Amino acid sequence: MGKIEANSTGARVHHYEIVGRAAPTPKVPVPKIFKMKLFAKNPVIARSKFWYFMKRINCAKRSGGQVLRMTELHDKRPALVQNYGVWLRYESRTDTHNMYKEYRDTTINGAISQMVAEMAGRHRAQASSIQILKTAIIPNSAVRRGHVLQMLPKKLKFPTVRKTPLVPKAERQLLRGKRYTTFAQ
């Protein structure tokens, strides 16, 4: 895959778990430890988001705090297609909105990448203004959204359209006198 294709396939999001705390002081020698799961493009942005939320939760800034552990989380079975539910909050130009969205993907990172792309397209929301409140794997019986429901039947089939015929190597040319018939019969 080339550079252009890699950039055009959307925001590649990673799932991080960060453990941190405010720095120990004489007043509070053992500060409370906080653990957060965040989605970000890279570890630097993940740490920045961690301190953004720590400032709001705990009044702890980066200058007076410590990151104790930072790990990237991966799916146990990345080849299995699952339904993901995402609860989110985002800042629009006028107000703050809460949403619930569903996606079908092989990994949680892929589902969040879909969500970021959809929010940018449908709602003009920037990735930095989206806060993911919760994610969950949704069983087929609990799926609510139509675009995910239509993918659930066991006998789901896709039509083969635009199937180009196999031409022997000796007959291959750059330009052909007759147009291919590409519709399936």
Protein backbone atom coordinates (compact mmCIF):
# COMPACT_ATOMS: atom_id res chain seq x y z
CA MET A 1 0.00 0.00 0.00
CA GLY A 2 1.36 3.38 -1.00
CA LYS A 3 1.55 6.58 1.01
CA ILE A 4 -1.54 8.11 -0.61
CA GLU A 5 -3.64 4.99 -0.05
CA ALA A 6 -2.54 4.75 3.59
CA ASN A 7 -3.46 8.39 4.23
CA SER A 8 -6.80 8.16 2.45
CA THR A 9 -8.08 5.13 4.36
CA GLY A 10 -9.00 7.31 7.34
CA ALA A 11 -7.73 8.00 10.81
CA ARG A 12 -5.82 5.02 12.13
CA VAL A 13 -6.73 5.02 15.81
CA HIS A 14 -4.97 3.10 18.57
CA HIS A 15 -6.38 2.04 21.94
CA TYR A 16 -4.22 3.01 24.94
CA GLU A 17 -4.44 2.38 28.66
CA ILE A 18 -2.70 5.03 30.72
CA VAL A 19 -2.13 4.92 34.48
CA GLY A 20 -1.04 8.12 36.19
CA ARG A 21 -1.33 10.35 39.21
CA ALA A 22 -0.55 13.77 40.56
CA ALA A 23 3.02 14.01 41.87
CA PRO A 24 3.50 13.27 45.59
CA THR A 25 3.66 16.36 47.81
CA PRO A 26 4.24 16.84 51.55
CA LYS A 27 0.52 17.51 51.92
CA VAL A 28 -0.51 14.38 49.91
CA PRO A 29 2.38 11.88 50.06
CA VAL A 30 0.41 9.07 48.35
CA PRO A 31 -1.88 10.58 45.69
CA LYS A 32 -4.76 8.66 44.14
CA ILE A 33 -3.91 6.65 41.00
CA PHE A 34 -6.15 6.98 37.93
CA LYS A 35 -6.44 4.58 35.00
CA MET A 36 -7.95 5.66 31.67
CA LYS A 37 -8.56 3.94 28.37
CA LEU A 38 -8.18 6.36 25.47
CA PHE A 39 -8.26 6.30 21.68
CA ALA A 40 -5.62 8.38 19.87
CA LYS A 41 -3.53 8.41 16.70
CA ASN A 42 -0.24 8.06 18.58
CA PRO A 43 1.15 7.82 22.14
CA VAL A 44 1.92 11.55 22.34
CA ILE A 45 -1.71 12.53 21.65
CA ALA A 46 -2.88 9.82 24.08
CA ARG A 47 -0.79 11.28 26.92
CA SER A 48 -2.03 14.76 26.04
CA LYS A 49 -5.66 13.56 26.25
CA PHE A 50 -4.89 11.82 29.55
CA TRP A 51 -3.68 15.09 31.09
CA TYR A 52 -6.62 16.98 29.56
CA PHE A 53 -9.04 14.72 31.47
CA MET A 54 -6.87 14.59 34.61
CA LYS A 55 -7.00 18.38 34.81
CA ARG A 56 -10.80 18.21 34.80
CA ILE A 57 -11.16 15.21 37.15
CA ASN A 58 -8.36 15.73 39.63
CA CYS A 59 -6.94 19.24 39.10
CA ALA A 60 -3.62 17.53 38.25
CA LYS A 61 -1.53 19.05 35.47
CA ARG A 62 1.26 17.51 33.44
CA SER A 63 3.82 19.70 35.19
CA GLY A 64 2.75 18.31 38.56
CA GLY A 65 2.00 14.70 37.64
CA GLN A 66 3.40 11.34 36.60
CA VAL A 67 2.47 8.74 34.01
CA LEU A 68 3.11 5.42 35.76
CA ARG A 69 2.27 3.08 32.88
CA MET A 70 1.19 3.37 29.27
CA THR A 71 0.24 0.31 27.22
CA GLU A 72 -1.40 -0.15 23.84
CA LEU A 73 -4.39 -2.49 23.97
CA HIS A 74 -5.06 -5.00 21.19
CA ASP A 75 -8.07 -7.18 20.40
CA LYS A 76 -7.89 -10.84 21.39
CA ARG A 77 -9.41 -12.05 18.11
CA PRO A 78 -8.77 -9.45 15.37
CA ALA A 79 -10.06 -11.75 12.59
CA LEU A 80 -13.58 -12.04 14.06
CA VAL A 81 -16.22 -9.58 12.86
CA GLN A 82 -18.19 -8.07 15.76
CA ASN A 83 -20.77 -5.37 16.40
CA TYR A 84 -19.46 -2.43 18.43
CA GLY A 85 -21.54 0.14 20.30
CA VAL A 86 -19.98 3.56 20.92
CA TRP A 87 -21.37 6.13 23.34
CA LEU A 88 -19.85 9.54 22.69
CA ARG A 89 -20.10 13.25 23.36
CA TYR A 90 -19.00 15.91 20.93
CA GLU A 91 -18.86 19.67 20.72
CA SER A 92 -20.63 21.14 17.70
CA ARG A 93 -20.50 24.80 16.74
CA THR A 94 -23.62 25.45 18.84
CA ASP A 95 -23.79 22.92 21.69
CA THR A 96 -22.63 19.65 23.24
CA HIS A 97 -24.39 16.50 22.00
CA ASN A 98 -24.51 12.92 23.30
CA MET A 99 -24.79 10.05 20.82
CA TYR A 100 -24.92 6.30 20.53
CA LYS A 101 -23.59 4.71 17.35
CA GLU A 102 -23.07 1.14 16.13
CA TYR A 103 -20.39 -0.20 13.83
CA ARG A 104 -19.46 -3.60 12.45
CA ASP A 105 -15.73 -4.25 12.29
CA THR A 106 -13.01 -6.74 13.16
CA THR A 107 -11.34 -4.52 15.78
CA ILE A 108 -12.38 -1.77 18.17
CA ASN A 109 -9.75 0.47 16.56
CA GLY A 110 -11.40 -0.01 13.16
CA ALA A 111 -14.82 0.79 14.62
CA ILE A 112 -13.53 3.99 16.22
CA SER A 113 -11.81 4.95 12.94
CA GLN A 114 -15.19 4.52 11.20
CA MET A 115 -16.81 6.65 13.88
CA VAL A 116 -14.27 9.49 13.52
CA ALA A 117 -14.71 9.48 9.74
CA GLU A 118 -18.52 9.42 10.00
CA MET A 119 -18.61 12.21 12.58
CA ALA A 120 -16.38 14.35 10.35
CA GLY A 121 -18.59 13.72 7.33
CA ARG A 122 -22.08 13.86 8.82
CA HIS A 123 -21.62 16.31 11.67
CA ARG A 124 -18.48 18.29 10.78
CA ALA A 125 -17.03 17.24 14.13
CA GLN A 126 -13.27 17.36 14.53
CA ALA A 127 -11.56 14.37 16.14
CA SER A 128 -10.32 16.58 18.99
CA SER A 129 -13.90 17.61 19.92
CA ILE A 130 -15.12 13.98 20.27
CA GLN A 131 -15.03 12.33 23.70
CA ILE A 132 -15.67 8.58 23.76
CA LEU A 133 -17.59 7.80 26.93
CA LYS A 134 -17.96 4.03 26.55
CA THR A 135 -17.51 1.22 24.03
CA ALA A 136 -18.97 -2.26 24.10
CA ILE A 137 -19.29 -5.40 21.99
CA ILE A 138 -22.98 -5.72 21.15
CA PRO A 139 -24.60 -9.16 20.64
CA ASN A 140 -26.65 -9.63 17.46
CA SER A 141 -29.91 -9.62 19.46
CA ALA A 142 -29.21 -6.13 20.88
CA VAL A 143 -28.31 -4.37 17.60
CA ARG A 144 -30.54 -1.33 16.97
CA ARG A 145 -29.17 0.44 13.89
CA GLY A 146 -30.39 -0.51 10.42
CA HIS A 147 -27.03 -0.43 8.66
CA VAL A 148 -25.70 -3.04 11.11
CA LEU A 149 -28.95 -5.09 11.22
CA GLN A 150 -28.86 -5.69 7.47
CA MET A 151 -25.47 -7.44 7.80
CA LEU A 152 -26.62 -9.99 10.39
CA PRO A 153 -28.58 -12.67 8.42
CA LYS A 154 -26.73 -16.00 8.08
CA LYS A 155 -27.67 -16.36 4.39
CA LEU A 156 -26.41 -12.90 3.41
CA LYS A 157 -25.13 -12.82 -0.18
CA PHE A 158 -23.52 -10.09 -2.22
CA PRO A 159 -23.98 -9.93 -6.01
CA THR A 160 -20.90 -10.26 -8.18
CA VAL A 161 -21.00 -7.18 -10.34
CA ARG A 162 -18.49 -5.91 -12.90
CA LYS A 163 -16.69 -9.26 -13.17
CA THR A 164 -14.12 -8.85 -15.96
CA PRO A 165 -13.47 -11.90 -18.13
CA LEU A 166 -10.13 -13.68 -18.00
CA VAL A 167 -8.24 -13.04 -21.24
CA PRO A 168 -5.41 -15.41 -22.26
CA LYS A 169 -1.97 -13.82 -21.91
CA ALA A 170 -1.27 -14.07 -25.63
CA GLU A 171 -4.38 -12.00 -26.43
CA ARG A 172 -3.86 -9.24 -23.86
CA GLN A 173 -3.53 -5.78 -25.34
CA LEU A 174 -3.50 -2.23 -24.09
CA LEU A 175 -6.39 -1.29 -26.37
CA ARG A 176 -9.05 -3.74 -27.55
CA GLY A 177 -11.46 -3.38 -30.45
CA LYS A 178 -14.41 -4.81 -28.50
CA ARG A 179 -15.62 -3.66 -25.08
CA TYR A 180 -15.87 -6.30 -22.34
CA THR A 181 -19.30 -7.35 -21.13
CA THR A 182 -18.88 -7.06 -17.36
CA PHE A 183 -22.40 -7.74 -16.11
CA ALA A 184 -23.08 -11.11 -14.44
CA GLN A 185 -25.53 -13.43 -16.23
